[in-house]
N, C-alpha and C. Protein backbone atom coordinates (compact mmCIF):
# COMPACT_ATOMS: atom_id res chain seq x y z
N MET A 1 16.11 69.70 119.55
CA MET A 1 16.80 70.48 120.26
C MET A 1 17.87 71.05 119.88
N LYS A 2 18.12 72.47 119.86
CA LYS A 2 19.22 73.14 119.25
C LYS A 2 20.45 73.21 119.83
N GLN A 3 21.39 72.88 119.23
CA GLN A 3 22.63 72.83 119.83
C GLN A 3 23.19 74.47 120.10
N PRO A 4 23.84 74.67 121.17
CA PRO A 4 24.41 76.03 121.63
C PRO A 4 25.41 76.45 120.44
N TYR A 5 26.26 75.61 119.84
CA TYR A 5 27.25 76.19 118.93
C TYR A 5 27.26 75.00 117.88
N ASN A 6 27.62 75.47 116.62
CA ASN A 6 27.72 74.73 115.38
C ASN A 6 29.00 74.13 115.60
N PRO A 7 29.07 72.62 115.30
CA PRO A 7 30.38 72.06 115.27
C PRO A 7 31.34 72.59 114.49
N GLU A 8 31.39 72.95 113.42
CA GLU A 8 32.19 73.57 112.60
C GLU A 8 32.67 75.17 113.41
N GLU A 9 31.86 75.80 113.90
CA GLU A 9 32.24 76.94 114.70
C GLU A 9 32.94 76.55 115.79
N LEU A 10 32.77 75.63 116.69
CA LEU A 10 33.38 74.99 117.72
C LEU A 10 34.79 74.81 117.23
N THR A 11 34.86 74.00 116.21
CA THR A 11 36.43 73.56 115.54
C THR A 11 37.34 74.52 115.21
N GLU A 12 36.65 75.75 114.61
CA GLU A 12 37.37 77.12 114.14
C GLU A 12 37.83 77.81 115.54
N ARG A 13 36.96 77.56 116.33
CA ARG A 13 37.23 78.62 117.85
C ARG A 13 38.66 77.67 118.43
N VAL A 14 38.47 76.34 118.58
CA VAL A 14 39.38 75.63 119.22
C VAL A 14 40.94 75.68 118.24
N ASP A 15 40.56 75.67 116.91
CA ASP A 15 41.94 76.00 116.23
C ASP A 15 42.65 77.34 116.32
N ARG A 16 41.60 78.39 116.62
CA ARG A 16 42.42 79.66 116.90
C ARG A 16 43.02 79.67 118.25
N ILE A 17 42.38 78.98 119.28
CA ILE A 17 42.89 79.10 120.56
C ILE A 17 44.33 78.45 120.41
N GLU A 18 44.42 77.16 119.57
CA GLU A 18 45.50 76.35 119.46
C GLU A 18 46.62 77.10 118.83
N GLU A 19 46.08 77.86 117.78
CA GLU A 19 47.36 79.00 117.10
C GLU A 19 47.93 80.01 118.14
N GLY A 20 46.98 80.48 119.20
CA GLY A 20 47.40 81.36 120.05
C GLY A 20 48.29 80.85 120.95
N LEU A 21 47.87 79.68 121.51
CA LEU A 21 48.87 78.91 122.46
C LEU A 21 49.99 78.37 121.77
N THR A 22 50.08 78.18 120.57
CA THR A 22 51.37 77.93 119.99
C THR A 22 52.48 79.12 119.79
N LYS A 23 51.68 80.22 119.41
CA LYS A 23 52.67 81.25 119.56
C LYS A 23 53.10 81.68 120.77
N PHE A 24 52.30 81.66 121.98
CA PHE A 24 52.65 81.76 123.01
C PHE A 24 53.90 80.82 123.71
N TYR A 25 53.70 79.53 123.34
CA TYR A 25 54.77 78.87 123.74
C TYR A 25 55.96 79.14 122.91
N ASP A 26 55.99 79.62 121.69
CA ASP A 26 57.16 79.87 120.94
C ASP A 26 57.72 81.21 121.63
N VAL A 27 56.92 82.22 121.94
CA VAL A 27 57.57 83.29 122.62
C VAL A 27 58.19 83.07 124.02
N LEU A 28 57.44 82.07 124.65
CA LEU A 28 57.96 81.68 126.22
C LEU A 28 59.25 80.78 125.95
N GLY A 29 59.30 79.88 124.95
CA GLY A 29 60.31 79.64 124.67
C GLY A 29 61.75 80.40 124.04
N GLY A 30 61.50 81.39 123.49
CA GLY A 30 62.45 82.29 123.64
C GLY A 30 62.85 83.16 124.43
N TYR A 31 61.86 83.53 125.51
CA TYR A 31 62.26 83.90 126.61
C TYR A 31 63.28 83.17 127.68
N ILE A 32 62.83 82.05 127.64
CA ILE A 32 63.65 80.86 128.38
C ILE A 32 64.97 80.73 128.02
N THR A 33 65.08 80.85 126.73
CA THR A 33 66.34 80.49 126.10
C THR A 33 67.35 82.11 126.49
N THR A 34 66.80 83.12 126.44
CA THR A 34 67.45 84.25 126.53
C THR A 34 67.79 84.53 127.90
N LEU A 35 66.96 83.90 128.87
CA LEU A 35 67.25 83.71 130.37
C LEU A 35 68.45 82.83 130.59
N GLU A 36 68.27 81.47 130.04
CA GLU A 36 69.31 80.81 130.23
C GLU A 36 70.75 81.40 129.72
N LYS A 37 70.84 82.05 128.70
CA LYS A 37 72.00 82.87 128.26
C LYS A 37 72.45 83.68 129.30
N TYR A 38 71.49 84.57 129.75
CA TYR A 38 71.69 85.72 130.70
C TYR A 38 72.23 85.12 131.94
N VAL A 39 71.84 84.05 132.45
CA VAL A 39 72.21 83.46 133.74
C VAL A 39 73.66 83.03 133.45
N LEU A 40 74.19 82.15 132.43
CA LEU A 40 75.48 81.82 132.03
C LEU A 40 76.28 83.04 132.19
N ALA A 41 75.90 84.02 131.63
CA ALA A 41 76.86 85.13 131.16
C ALA A 41 76.96 85.76 132.60
N VAL A 42 76.23 85.87 133.50
CA VAL A 42 76.16 86.58 134.86
C VAL A 42 77.23 85.48 135.58
N ASP A 43 77.08 84.28 135.63
CA ASP A 43 77.77 83.20 136.33
C ASP A 43 79.14 83.38 135.75
N ARG A 44 79.27 83.47 134.56
CA ARG A 44 80.86 83.90 134.25
C ARG A 44 81.39 85.14 134.73
N ASP A 45 80.74 86.24 134.58
CA ASP A 45 80.99 87.28 135.10
C ASP A 45 81.40 87.52 136.74
N LEU A 46 80.53 86.79 137.26
CA LEU A 46 80.84 86.44 138.91
C LEU A 46 82.24 85.71 139.19
N ALA A 47 82.16 84.37 138.34
CA ALA A 47 83.29 83.82 138.62
C ALA A 47 84.75 84.45 138.26
N ASP A 48 84.62 85.40 137.35
CA ASP A 48 85.76 86.05 136.82
C ASP A 48 86.19 87.19 137.88
N ALA A 49 84.79 87.79 138.42
CA ALA A 49 85.14 88.88 139.48
C ALA A 49 85.69 88.50 140.77
N ARG A 50 85.13 87.26 141.52
CA ARG A 50 85.75 86.47 142.22
C ARG A 50 87.47 86.20 142.08
N ASP A 51 87.74 85.57 141.02
CA ASP A 51 89.04 85.48 140.68
C ASP A 51 89.97 86.68 140.74
N ARG A 52 89.41 87.62 140.08
CA ARG A 52 89.87 89.19 140.29
C ARG A 52 90.21 89.61 141.63
N ILE A 53 89.25 89.36 142.36
CA ILE A 53 89.32 90.02 143.77
C ILE A 53 90.28 88.98 144.48
N LYS A 54 90.15 87.64 144.34
CA LYS A 54 91.22 86.84 145.05
C LYS A 54 92.54 87.04 144.50
N ASN A 55 92.95 87.37 143.30
CA ASN A 55 94.15 87.68 142.90
C ASN A 55 94.57 89.14 143.42
N LEU A 56 93.68 90.08 143.37
CA LEU A 56 94.06 91.28 144.16
C LEU A 56 94.31 91.19 145.45
N GLU A 57 93.52 90.44 146.34
CA GLU A 57 93.63 90.11 147.94
C GLU A 57 95.29 89.50 148.00
N LEU A 58 95.30 88.58 147.10
CA LEU A 58 96.62 87.96 147.21
C LEU A 58 97.92 88.90 146.99
N THR A 59 97.74 89.57 146.01
CA THR A 59 98.81 90.66 145.54
C THR A 59 99.10 91.74 146.56
N VAL A 60 97.86 92.13 147.13
CA VAL A 60 98.11 93.28 148.16
C VAL A 60 98.44 92.57 149.58
N PHE A 61 97.83 91.42 149.85
CA PHE A 61 97.94 90.92 151.09
C PHE A 61 98.76 89.49 150.94
N PRO A 62 99.84 89.26 150.61
CA PRO A 62 100.36 87.99 150.23
C PRO A 62 100.43 86.99 151.38
N ASN A 63 100.22 87.35 152.60
CA ASN A 63 100.14 86.31 153.57
C ASN A 63 98.64 86.12 154.16
N LEU A 64 97.61 86.39 153.41
CA LEU A 64 96.22 86.43 153.76
C LEU A 64 95.92 85.10 153.98
N ALA A 65 96.28 84.42 153.28
CA ALA A 65 96.12 82.74 153.30
C ALA A 65 96.35 82.37 154.86
N GLN A 66 97.66 82.50 155.03
CA GLN A 66 98.32 82.15 156.23
C GLN A 66 97.88 82.72 157.22
N ASP A 67 97.54 83.92 157.34
CA ASP A 67 96.74 84.72 158.39
C ASP A 67 95.58 84.16 158.79
N ILE A 68 94.79 83.99 157.83
CA ILE A 68 93.24 83.41 157.92
C ILE A 68 93.50 81.95 158.84
N LYS A 69 94.39 81.14 158.48
CA LYS A 69 94.49 80.00 159.01
C LYS A 69 94.98 80.20 160.48
N GLN A 70 95.94 80.99 160.85
CA GLN A 70 96.40 81.43 162.00
C GLN A 70 95.20 81.83 163.09
N VAL A 71 94.47 82.81 162.43
CA VAL A 71 93.17 83.29 163.22
C VAL A 71 92.34 82.09 163.57
N ARG A 72 91.91 81.05 162.57
CA ARG A 72 91.33 79.98 162.80
C ARG A 72 91.92 79.08 163.93
N ASP A 73 93.30 78.99 163.99
CA ASP A 73 93.66 78.30 164.94
C ASP A 73 93.81 78.75 166.39
N ILE A 74 93.81 80.17 166.41
CA ILE A 74 93.68 80.74 167.59
C ILE A 74 92.10 80.71 168.16
N ILE A 75 91.34 81.12 167.27
CA ILE A 75 89.73 80.98 167.84
C ILE A 75 89.02 79.67 167.67
N GLY A 76 89.68 78.70 167.06
CA GLY A 76 88.93 77.51 166.90
C GLY A 76 88.19 77.24 165.50
N ASP A 77 87.57 76.14 165.33
CA ASP A 77 86.96 76.00 163.96
C ASP A 77 86.02 74.81 164.47
N GLY A 78 85.22 74.86 165.50
CA GLY A 78 84.22 73.98 165.67
C GLY A 78 83.46 74.50 166.82
N GLY A 79 82.87 73.58 167.74
CA GLY A 79 82.02 73.85 168.92
C GLY A 79 82.66 74.83 170.05
N ASP A 80 84.02 74.79 170.11
CA ASP A 80 84.62 75.49 171.10
C ASP A 80 84.88 76.94 170.81
N LYS A 81 84.08 77.46 169.57
CA LYS A 81 84.29 79.09 169.37
C LYS A 81 83.43 79.56 170.49
N SER A 82 82.57 79.17 171.16
CA SER A 82 81.68 80.20 172.14
C SER A 82 82.61 80.23 173.47
N GLU A 83 83.33 79.17 173.77
CA GLU A 83 84.09 79.36 174.99
C GLU A 83 85.28 79.89 174.69
N ASN A 84 85.84 80.34 173.63
CA ASN A 84 87.13 81.11 173.59
C ASN A 84 87.00 82.56 173.73
N PRO A 85 87.92 83.08 174.68
CA PRO A 85 87.67 84.47 175.06
C PRO A 85 88.08 85.72 173.87
N LEU A 86 88.83 85.20 172.73
CA LEU A 86 89.29 85.92 171.65
C LEU A 86 88.12 86.11 170.75
N ASP A 87 87.08 85.14 170.53
CA ASP A 87 86.19 85.08 169.67
C ASP A 87 84.98 86.28 170.12
N LYS A 88 84.79 87.20 169.48
CA LYS A 88 83.96 88.23 170.10
C LYS A 88 82.56 88.24 169.37
N ARG A 89 82.16 87.32 168.53
CA ARG A 89 80.91 86.93 168.22
C ARG A 89 79.71 86.68 169.14
N PRO A 90 78.50 87.07 168.96
CA PRO A 90 77.61 86.76 169.84
C PRO A 90 77.54 85.54 170.15
N ARG A 91 77.12 85.06 171.39
CA ARG A 91 76.93 83.82 171.73
C ARG A 91 75.44 83.18 171.72
């Protein structure tokens, strides 16, 4: 009975597939590394932006933190919010 493929030919084809997969994994690893660096850079930028916004808010509105606390004291901070007439959010 004749074999559909020569064993040497099969070995050669498997070697080519293996080389292709190795190249693919190398490229994929490079993309993953680049993505991780990008995510870290974006996280740093967002943290910096949050800090700048917070500092700007506290510079322009120095009593902001105290005002927010007073508003929460008035409208409540729990299950009683829906019963408070000053809380205009939908129930």
